[in-house]
Amino acid sequence: MTTPLDTSPLERRARYAGLGCFSIFAGFISMAMVGSLLSMVVAKITRAPVCQDIPACNWYVYAGVGGLIGALSLPILVLTRVWQSERDAARKNQ
């Protein structure tokens, strides 16, 4: 089994890029769904007019903002945790 310390810098960068790209996608989708749910809650609380077949007329605004927040925050959290664990492993091996 290879440890993060045994890999080359190019392999580590490729792993970071893969994790970053996947977490951008996952963060955008997940927080867009949360934003859509939030738009329904806000529409119910404010008694906003209901559009045909959807509970909130401006759900796409909430989904877009939530998606952008998720696309920025999840990769930062994931990569920070990976870097922290690699730094801890390097300290442990010294």
N, C-alpha and C. Protein backbone atom coordinates (compact mmCIF):
# COMPACT_ATOMS: atom_id res chain seq x y z
N MET A 1 0.85 -1.18 0.00
CA MET A 1 0.00 0.00 0.00
C MET A 1 0.89 1.24 0.00
N THR A 2 0.56 2.18 -0.86
CA THR A 2 1.34 3.41 -0.90
C THR A 2 0.70 4.46 -0.01
N THR A 3 1.53 5.20 0.62
CA THR A 3 1.04 6.30 1.46
C THR A 3 1.18 7.59 0.68
N PRO A 4 0.52 8.65 1.13
CA PRO A 4 0.66 9.94 0.42
C PRO A 4 2.11 10.42 0.35
N LEU A 5 2.94 9.97 1.29
CA LEU A 5 4.33 10.40 1.29
C LEU A 5 5.14 9.67 0.22
N ASP A 6 4.66 8.51 -0.24
CA ASP A 6 5.39 7.72 -1.23
C ASP A 6 5.06 8.13 -2.66
N THR A 7 4.09 8.97 -2.87
CA THR A 7 3.68 9.33 -4.22
C THR A 7 4.47 10.54 -4.72
N SER A 8 4.54 10.67 -6.03
CA SER A 8 5.25 11.80 -6.62
C SER A 8 4.38 13.06 -6.56
N PRO A 9 4.99 14.21 -6.72
CA PRO A 9 4.20 15.45 -6.72
C PRO A 9 3.12 15.48 -7.81
N LEU A 10 3.43 14.88 -8.97
CA LEU A 10 2.45 14.85 -10.05
C LEU A 10 1.25 13.98 -9.68
N GLU A 11 1.50 12.86 -9.03
CA GLU A 11 0.40 11.99 -8.59
C GLU A 11 -0.45 12.69 -7.53
N ARG A 12 0.18 13.41 -6.63
CA ARG A 12 -0.58 14.14 -5.61
C ARG A 12 -1.43 15.23 -6.24
N ARG A 13 -0.87 15.97 -7.21
CA ARG A 13 -1.64 17.01 -7.88
C ARG A 13 -2.82 16.42 -8.64
N ALA A 14 -2.61 15.26 -9.26
CA ALA A 14 -3.72 14.60 -9.97
C ALA A 14 -4.81 14.18 -8.99
N ARG A 15 -4.41 13.68 -7.84
CA ARG A 15 -5.40 13.29 -6.83
C ARG A 15 -6.17 14.51 -6.33
N TYR A 16 -5.45 15.61 -6.09
CA TYR A 16 -6.12 16.84 -5.64
C TYR A 16 -7.08 17.35 -6.71
N ALA A 17 -6.68 17.29 -7.95
CA ALA A 17 -7.55 17.76 -9.05
C ALA A 17 -8.80 16.89 -9.14
N GLY A 18 -8.63 15.58 -9.03
CA GLY A 18 -9.78 14.69 -9.08
C GLY A 18 -10.74 14.92 -7.91
N LEU A 19 -10.18 15.04 -6.72
CA LEU A 19 -11.03 15.31 -5.56
C LEU A 19 -11.72 16.67 -5.68
N GLY A 20 -10.99 17.66 -6.15
CA GLY A 20 -11.57 19.00 -6.30
C GLY A 20 -12.69 19.02 -7.32
N CYS A 21 -12.48 18.39 -8.47
CA CYS A 21 -13.52 18.39 -9.51
C CYS A 21 -14.76 17.64 -9.06
N PHE A 22 -14.56 16.49 -8.44
CA PHE A 22 -15.72 15.73 -7.97
C PHE A 22 -16.46 16.47 -6.88
N SER A 23 -15.73 17.10 -5.96
CA SER A 23 -16.41 17.80 -4.87
C SER A 23 -17.08 19.09 -5.35
N ILE A 24 -16.59 19.72 -6.42
CA ILE A 24 -17.29 20.87 -7.00
C ILE A 24 -18.66 20.42 -7.50
N PHE A 25 -18.69 19.32 -8.24
CA PHE A 25 -19.94 18.79 -8.76
C PHE A 25 -20.89 18.40 -7.63
N ALA A 26 -20.39 17.63 -6.68
CA ALA A 26 -21.22 17.17 -5.56
C ALA A 26 -21.71 18.34 -4.71
N GLY A 27 -20.85 19.31 -4.46
CA GLY A 27 -21.24 20.47 -3.67
C GLY A 27 -22.29 21.31 -4.36
N PHE A 28 -22.15 21.50 -5.68
CA PHE A 28 -23.13 22.28 -6.41
C PHE A 28 -24.50 21.61 -6.38
N ILE A 29 -24.55 20.33 -6.70
CA ILE A 29 -25.83 19.62 -6.75
C ILE A 29 -26.49 19.57 -5.38
N SER A 30 -25.73 19.23 -4.36
CA SER A 30 -26.33 19.08 -3.03
C SER A 30 -26.84 20.41 -2.48
N MET A 31 -26.06 21.47 -2.61
CA MET A 31 -26.52 22.74 -2.07
C MET A 31 -27.59 23.38 -2.95
N ALA A 32 -27.64 23.05 -4.24
CA ALA A 32 -28.75 23.52 -5.08
C ALA A 32 -30.06 22.91 -4.61
N MET A 33 -30.03 21.64 -4.21
CA MET A 33 -31.24 21.01 -3.68
C MET A 33 -31.65 21.64 -2.36
N VAL A 34 -30.67 21.95 -1.52
CA VAL A 34 -30.98 22.62 -0.25
C VAL A 34 -31.56 24.01 -0.52
N GLY A 35 -31.01 24.70 -1.50
CA GLY A 35 -31.53 26.02 -1.86
C GLY A 35 -32.96 25.94 -2.38
N SER A 36 -33.27 24.92 -3.16
CA SER A 36 -34.64 24.74 -3.64
C SER A 36 -35.59 24.48 -2.49
N LEU A 37 -35.17 23.67 -1.54
CA LEU A 37 -35.99 23.42 -0.36
C LEU A 37 -36.19 24.71 0.43
N LEU A 38 -35.14 25.49 0.56
CA LEU A 38 -35.25 26.77 1.27
C LEU A 38 -36.22 27.71 0.56
N SER A 39 -36.23 27.70 -0.77
CA SER A 39 -37.16 28.56 -1.49
C SER A 39 -38.61 28.15 -1.22
N MET A 40 -38.86 26.86 -1.08
CA MET A 40 -40.22 26.41 -0.76
C MET A 40 -40.61 26.86 0.64
N VAL A 41 -39.70 26.79 1.59
CA VAL A 41 -39.98 27.22 2.96
C VAL A 41 -40.26 28.72 2.99
N VAL A 42 -39.43 29.50 2.30
CA VAL A 42 -39.62 30.95 2.26
C VAL A 42 -40.95 31.30 1.60
N ALA A 43 -41.30 30.59 0.53
CA ALA A 43 -42.56 30.85 -0.16
C ALA A 43 -43.75 30.55 0.75
N LYS A 44 -43.66 29.49 1.54
CA LYS A 44 -44.75 29.16 2.47
C LYS A 44 -44.86 30.20 3.58
N ILE A 45 -43.72 30.61 4.13
CA ILE A 45 -43.74 31.57 5.24
C ILE A 45 -44.25 32.93 4.77
N THR A 46 -43.81 33.38 3.61
CA THR A 46 -44.21 34.70 3.12
C THR A 46 -45.52 34.68 2.34
N ARG A 47 -46.08 33.48 2.19
CA ARG A 47 -47.33 33.30 1.44
C ARG A 47 -47.22 33.90 0.03
N ALA A 48 -46.13 33.59 -0.61
CA ALA A 48 -45.88 34.07 -1.97
C ALA A 48 -46.84 33.37 -2.93
N PRO A 49 -47.15 34.00 -4.04
CA PRO A 49 -48.03 33.34 -5.01
C PRO A 49 -47.38 32.08 -5.56
N VAL A 50 -48.21 31.07 -5.77
CA VAL A 50 -47.72 29.78 -6.23
C VAL A 50 -47.83 29.71 -7.75
N CYS A 51 -46.76 29.31 -8.40
CA CYS A 51 -46.78 29.10 -9.84
C CYS A 51 -47.40 27.73 -10.13
N GLN A 52 -47.81 27.54 -11.35
CA GLN A 52 -48.44 26.27 -11.71
C GLN A 52 -47.42 25.14 -11.66
N ASP A 53 -47.73 24.09 -10.95
CA ASP A 53 -46.97 22.84 -10.84
C ASP A 53 -45.66 22.95 -10.06
N ILE A 54 -45.30 24.11 -9.54
CA ILE A 54 -44.11 24.22 -8.68
C ILE A 54 -44.46 25.06 -7.46
N PRO A 55 -43.93 24.71 -6.31
CA PRO A 55 -44.30 25.43 -5.08
C PRO A 55 -43.70 26.82 -4.94
N ALA A 56 -42.59 27.11 -5.60
CA ALA A 56 -41.97 28.43 -5.48
C ALA A 56 -41.59 28.92 -6.88
N CYS A 57 -42.01 30.12 -7.20
CA CYS A 57 -41.76 30.65 -8.55
C CYS A 57 -40.29 30.96 -8.81
N ASN A 58 -39.57 31.39 -7.79
CA ASN A 58 -38.17 31.78 -7.99
C ASN A 58 -37.21 30.75 -7.38
N TRP A 59 -37.51 29.49 -7.49
CA TRP A 59 -36.67 28.44 -6.94
C TRP A 59 -35.28 28.43 -7.56
N TYR A 60 -35.19 28.82 -8.82
CA TYR A 60 -33.91 28.77 -9.53
C TYR A 60 -32.90 29.76 -8.96
N VAL A 61 -33.37 30.86 -8.39
CA VAL A 61 -32.46 31.82 -7.76
C VAL A 61 -31.83 31.20 -6.52
N TYR A 62 -32.67 30.59 -5.69
CA TYR A 62 -32.18 29.94 -4.48
C TYR A 62 -31.26 28.76 -4.84
N ALA A 63 -31.65 27.99 -5.85
CA ALA A 63 -30.83 26.85 -6.27
C ALA A 63 -29.48 27.31 -6.81
N GLY A 64 -29.47 28.39 -7.57
CA GLY A 64 -28.22 28.91 -8.13
C GLY A 64 -27.27 29.42 -7.06
N VAL A 65 -27.80 30.19 -6.13
CA VAL A 65 -26.96 30.72 -5.05
C VAL A 65 -26.46 29.58 -4.16
N GLY A 66 -27.36 28.67 -3.81
CA GLY A 66 -26.95 27.52 -3.00
C GLY A 66 -25.91 26.66 -3.72
N GLY A 67 -26.10 26.47 -5.02
CA GLY A 67 -25.14 25.69 -5.80
C GLY A 67 -23.77 26.34 -5.83
N LEU A 68 -23.73 27.65 -5.99
CA LEU A 68 -22.43 28.35 -5.99
C LEU A 68 -21.75 28.25 -4.63
N ILE A 69 -22.53 28.39 -3.57
CA ILE A 69 -21.95 28.26 -2.22
C ILE A 69 -21.39 26.86 -2.03
N GLY A 70 -22.15 25.85 -2.46
CA GLY A 70 -21.68 24.47 -2.32
C GLY A 70 -20.48 24.16 -3.19
N ALA A 71 -20.46 24.72 -4.41
CA ALA A 71 -19.35 24.48 -5.33
C ALA A 71 -18.06 25.12 -4.83
N LEU A 72 -18.16 26.13 -4.00
CA LEU A 72 -16.97 26.76 -3.44
C LEU A 72 -16.58 26.15 -2.10
N SER A 73 -17.55 25.86 -1.25
CA SER A 73 -17.23 25.44 0.11
C SER A 73 -16.82 23.98 0.22
N LEU A 74 -17.48 23.07 -0.49
CA LEU A 74 -17.15 21.65 -0.35
C LEU A 74 -15.73 21.33 -0.81
N PRO A 75 -15.26 21.81 -1.97
CA PRO A 75 -13.87 21.53 -2.34
C PRO A 75 -12.86 22.09 -1.34
N ILE A 76 -13.15 23.25 -0.79
CA ILE A 76 -12.24 23.83 0.20
C ILE A 76 -12.18 22.93 1.43
N LEU A 77 -13.34 22.46 1.90
CA LEU A 77 -13.36 21.59 3.06
C LEU A 77 -12.67 20.25 2.79
N VAL A 78 -12.93 19.66 1.65
CA VAL A 78 -12.35 18.36 1.31
C VAL A 78 -10.83 18.47 1.17
N LEU A 79 -10.37 19.43 0.39
CA LEU A 79 -8.93 19.54 0.17
C LEU A 79 -8.18 19.96 1.43
N THR A 80 -8.79 20.79 2.25
CA THR A 80 -8.16 21.16 3.52
C THR A 80 -7.99 19.93 4.40
N ARG A 81 -9.00 19.09 4.44
CA ARG A 81 -8.92 17.87 5.25
C ARG A 81 -7.86 16.91 4.70
N VAL A 82 -7.75 16.78 3.40
CA VAL A 82 -6.73 15.91 2.80
C VAL A 82 -5.34 16.44 3.11
N TRP A 83 -5.14 17.74 2.94
CA TRP A 83 -3.82 18.33 3.22
C TRP A 83 -3.46 18.18 4.70
N GLN A 84 -4.45 18.35 5.57
CA GLN A 84 -4.21 18.23 7.00
C GLN A 84 -3.81 16.80 7.36
N SER A 85 -4.48 15.81 6.78
CA SER A 85 -4.14 14.42 7.10
C SER A 85 -2.76 14.06 6.55
N GLU A 86 -2.40 14.58 5.38
CA GLU A 86 -1.06 14.32 4.84
C GLU A 86 0.01 14.99 5.69
N ARG A 87 -0.27 16.18 6.16
CA ARG A 87 0.69 16.88 7.03
C ARG A 87 0.86 16.12 8.34
N ASP A 88 -0.22 15.61 8.90
CA ASP A 88 -0.14 14.83 10.12
C ASP A 88 0.63 13.54 9.92
N ALA A 89 0.43 12.89 8.76
CA ALA A 89 1.16 11.66 8.46
C ALA A 89 2.64 11.95 8.29
N ALA A 90 2.98 13.07 7.70
CA ALA A 90 4.39 13.43 7.53
C ALA A 90 5.06 13.69 8.88
N ARG A 91 4.34 14.34 9.78
CA ARG A 91 4.88 14.60 11.11
C ARG A 91 5.06 13.30 11.89
N LYS A 92 4.13 12.38 11.69
CA LYS A 92 4.19 11.10 12.41
C LYS A 92 5.37 10.27 11.95
N ASN A 93 5.73 10.37 10.66
CA ASN A 93 6.84 9.58 10.13
C ASN A 93 8.19 10.20 10.41
N GLN A 94 8.25 11.41 10.89
CA GLN A 94 9.55 12.05 11.16
C GLN A 94 10.13 11.60 12.46
